[in-house]
Amino acid sequence: MTYTQTNDPTIREHVQAWQQLNVDQQLALFWFIYKEMGGSITPAAPGASTVSPEIAEGLFNQVKELSHEQQLQVQRDLINKVDTQISREYGSLGDTTKLLFWYRLSQGMENGTIIPVPGDYQLPSEAKALFGKIQGLDFEQQITLFRDYVSPMGAEAKSGAGI
């Protein structure tokens, strides 16, 4: 699995700080970003020229059919790069399609088809601080940050029919 990471030291620092949070804090931070900034950030993913909306939608639909507990486990597995069928399918996606997949998960969380973050959940202080830094980035930096964050997730695709 290859991905290109930006050379921007600020973005690299933010990605590393995000990855150092525990997995549930990472997921919650993603959700808070979507809730607070989704109106400006997420429309860029579906309209990007290299995105494969049908593929992202197909993977999303697989997750949507699972129980809420299984949906949460899939998301945790993606972040932890656990070798599962869905994780390998995700790992074979292009970076922009990965962004669209996470955008669809966020939409599903909002409409209740994907397990939501508990309503009373509060981000821990380090995640709140990082959230503030992300809000301070310009639009292009935010998109690059999200791409660099989601790109290495998932498991290596297997050759042949194994995905």
Protein backbone atom coordinates (compact mmCIF):
# COMPACT_ATOMS: atom_id res chain seq x y z
CA MET A 1 0.00 0.00 0.00
CA THR A 2 1.56 3.25 -1.08
CA TYR A 3 0.48 6.76 -0.39
CA THR A 4 2.09 10.12 -0.74
CA GLN A 5 2.42 12.30 2.30
CA THR A 6 2.86 16.03 2.04
CA ASN A 7 6.15 17.68 2.83
CA ASP A 8 4.35 20.42 4.77
CA PRO A 9 5.78 20.11 8.31
CA THR A 10 2.64 21.58 9.95
CA ILE A 11 0.40 19.00 8.33
CA ARG A 12 2.79 16.17 9.14
CA GLU A 13 2.87 17.32 12.77
CA HIS A 14 -0.95 17.43 12.92
CA VAL A 15 -1.30 13.97 11.33
CA GLN A 16 1.20 12.51 13.80
CA ALA A 17 -0.59 14.15 16.74
CA TRP A 18 -3.91 12.74 15.50
CA GLN A 19 -2.42 9.26 15.12
CA GLN A 20 -1.06 9.40 18.67
CA LEU A 21 -4.58 9.68 20.11
CA ASN A 22 -6.21 6.40 21.05
CA VAL A 23 -8.39 4.92 18.32
CA ASP A 24 -11.72 6.05 19.79
CA GLN A 25 -10.39 9.58 20.28
CA GLN A 26 -9.26 9.59 16.64
CA LEU A 27 -12.74 8.57 15.52
CA ALA A 28 -14.38 11.16 17.76
CA LEU A 29 -12.07 13.90 16.49
CA PHE A 30 -13.02 12.98 12.92
CA TRP A 31 -16.69 13.24 13.90
CA PHE A 32 -16.26 16.63 15.57
CA ILE A 33 -14.41 17.91 12.52
CA TYR A 34 -17.25 16.74 10.29
CA LYS A 35 -19.88 18.33 12.55
CA GLU A 36 -18.08 21.66 12.88
CA MET A 37 -16.36 21.99 9.52
CA GLY A 38 -18.11 19.50 7.25
CA GLY A 39 -19.98 22.15 5.33
CA SER A 40 -16.76 23.55 3.95
CA ILE A 41 -14.47 20.52 3.85
CA THR A 42 -16.39 17.46 2.85
CA PRO A 43 -17.96 18.71 -0.40
CA ALA A 44 -14.46 18.69 -1.88
CA ALA A 45 -14.16 14.91 -1.59
CA PRO A 46 -17.22 13.88 -3.63
CA GLY A 47 -16.40 16.32 -6.43
CA ALA A 48 -12.72 15.48 -6.78
CA SER A 49 -11.69 14.24 -10.21
CA THR A 50 -9.94 11.06 -9.05
CA VAL A 51 -12.70 9.84 -6.76
CA SER A 52 -14.66 6.65 -7.44
CA PRO A 53 -18.04 7.35 -5.82
CA GLU A 54 -19.48 3.94 -6.71
CA ILE A 55 -16.59 2.16 -5.00
CA ALA A 56 -16.79 4.32 -1.88
CA GLU A 57 -20.55 3.82 -1.81
CA GLY A 58 -20.19 0.05 -2.16
CA LEU A 59 -17.78 -0.14 0.76
CA PHE A 60 -20.00 2.17 2.80
CA ASN A 61 -23.00 -0.07 2.08
CA GLN A 62 -21.08 -3.10 3.38
CA VAL A 63 -20.43 -1.27 6.65
CA LYS A 64 -23.99 0.06 6.83
CA GLU A 65 -25.39 -3.49 6.81
CA LEU A 66 -23.44 -4.43 9.96
CA SER A 67 -24.62 -4.00 13.55
CA HIS A 68 -23.55 -0.78 15.25
CA GLU A 69 -20.96 -2.65 17.29
CA GLN A 70 -19.52 -4.22 14.13
CA GLN A 71 -19.51 -0.82 12.40
CA LEU A 72 -17.43 0.62 15.22
CA GLN A 73 -15.06 -2.34 15.03
CA VAL A 74 -14.62 -1.82 11.27
CA GLN A 75 -13.61 1.79 11.87
CA ARG A 76 -11.22 0.79 14.63
CA ASP A 77 -9.77 -1.92 12.38
CA LEU A 78 -9.16 0.58 9.59
CA ILE A 79 -7.23 2.90 11.90
CA ASN A 80 -5.31 -0.02 13.42
CA LYS A 81 -4.60 -1.55 9.97
CA VAL A 82 -6.10 -4.89 11.00
CA ASP A 83 -6.14 -7.42 8.16
CA THR A 84 -9.85 -7.93 7.43
CA GLN A 85 -11.79 -8.12 4.17
CA ILE A 86 -13.17 -4.58 4.51
CA SER A 87 -9.80 -3.24 5.63
CA ARG A 88 -8.11 -4.76 2.56
CA GLU A 89 -10.81 -3.38 0.28
CA TYR A 90 -10.30 0.03 1.87
CA GLY A 91 -6.52 -0.31 1.53
CA SER A 92 -6.90 -0.78 -2.22
CA LEU A 93 -8.77 2.53 -2.65
CA GLY A 94 -7.23 5.74 -3.91
CA ASP A 95 -6.68 8.53 -1.40
CA THR A 96 -9.60 10.67 -2.55
CA THR A 97 -11.96 7.69 -2.57
CA LYS A 98 -10.89 6.99 1.02
CA LEU A 99 -11.87 10.57 1.92
CA LEU A 100 -15.26 10.05 0.30
CA PHE A 101 -15.74 6.79 2.22
CA TRP A 102 -15.13 8.60 5.54
CA TYR A 103 -17.42 11.41 4.41
CA ARG A 104 -20.16 8.82 3.78
CA LEU A 105 -19.52 7.28 7.22
CA SER A 106 -19.96 10.73 8.77
CA GLN A 107 -23.21 11.23 6.88
CA GLY A 108 -24.34 7.81 8.10
CA MET A 109 -23.50 8.77 11.67
CA GLU A 110 -25.58 11.89 11.26
CA ASN A 111 -28.62 10.04 9.93
CA GLY A 112 -28.31 7.08 12.33
CA THR A 113 -27.34 4.33 9.87
CA ILE A 114 -23.79 4.26 11.27
CA ILE A 115 -23.02 4.10 15.00
CA PRO A 116 -22.83 7.67 16.33
CA VAL A 117 -20.46 9.18 18.84
CA PRO A 118 -22.34 9.28 22.17
CA GLY A 119 -24.15 12.59 22.52
CA ASP A 120 -22.45 13.45 25.79
CA TYR A 121 -18.93 12.63 24.57
CA GLN A 122 -16.34 15.32 25.24
CA LEU A 123 -13.05 15.41 23.38
CA PRO A 124 -10.06 15.11 25.72
CA SER A 125 -7.87 18.20 26.02
CA GLU A 126 -5.18 17.04 23.57
CA ALA A 127 -7.81 16.26 20.92
CA LYS A 128 -9.53 19.62 21.54
CA ALA A 129 -6.22 21.43 21.11
CA LEU A 130 -5.55 19.59 17.85
CA PHE A 131 -9.09 20.36 16.66
CA GLY A 132 -8.41 24.06 17.21
CA LYS A 133 -5.18 23.84 15.21
CA ILE A 134 -6.96 22.07 12.35
CA GLN A 135 -9.65 24.75 12.29
CA GLY A 136 -6.87 27.33 11.89
CA LEU A 137 -5.51 25.74 8.71
CA ASP A 138 -6.56 27.02 5.32
CA PHE A 139 -8.91 24.90 3.22
CA GLU A 140 -6.24 23.26 1.06
CA GLN A 141 -4.17 22.38 4.11
CA GLN A 142 -7.22 20.83 5.77
CA ILE A 143 -7.92 18.64 2.75
CA THR A 144 -4.26 17.60 2.57
CA LEU A 145 -4.30 16.83 6.29
CA PHE A 146 -7.37 14.63 5.97
CA ARG A 147 -5.95 12.85 2.94
CA ASP A 148 -2.66 12.22 4.74
CA TYR A 149 -4.57 10.95 7.78
CA VAL A 150 -6.87 8.49 5.95
CA SER A 151 -4.39 7.30 3.31
CA PRO A 152 -2.29 4.89 5.40
CA MET A 153 -5.34 3.30 7.06
CA GLY A 154 -6.57 -0.14 6.18
CA ALA A 155 -4.65 -3.27 5.31
CA GLU A 156 -2.53 -4.14 2.32
CA ALA A 157 -4.63 -5.52 -0.52
CA LYS A 158 -3.78 -9.12 -1.45
CA SER A 159 -2.91 -10.13 -4.96
CA GLY A 160 -5.37 -11.97 -7.15
CA ALA A 161 -8.88 -12.66 -5.99
CA GLY A 162 -7.93 -12.37 -2.32
CA ILE A 163 -8.36 -8.57 -2.21
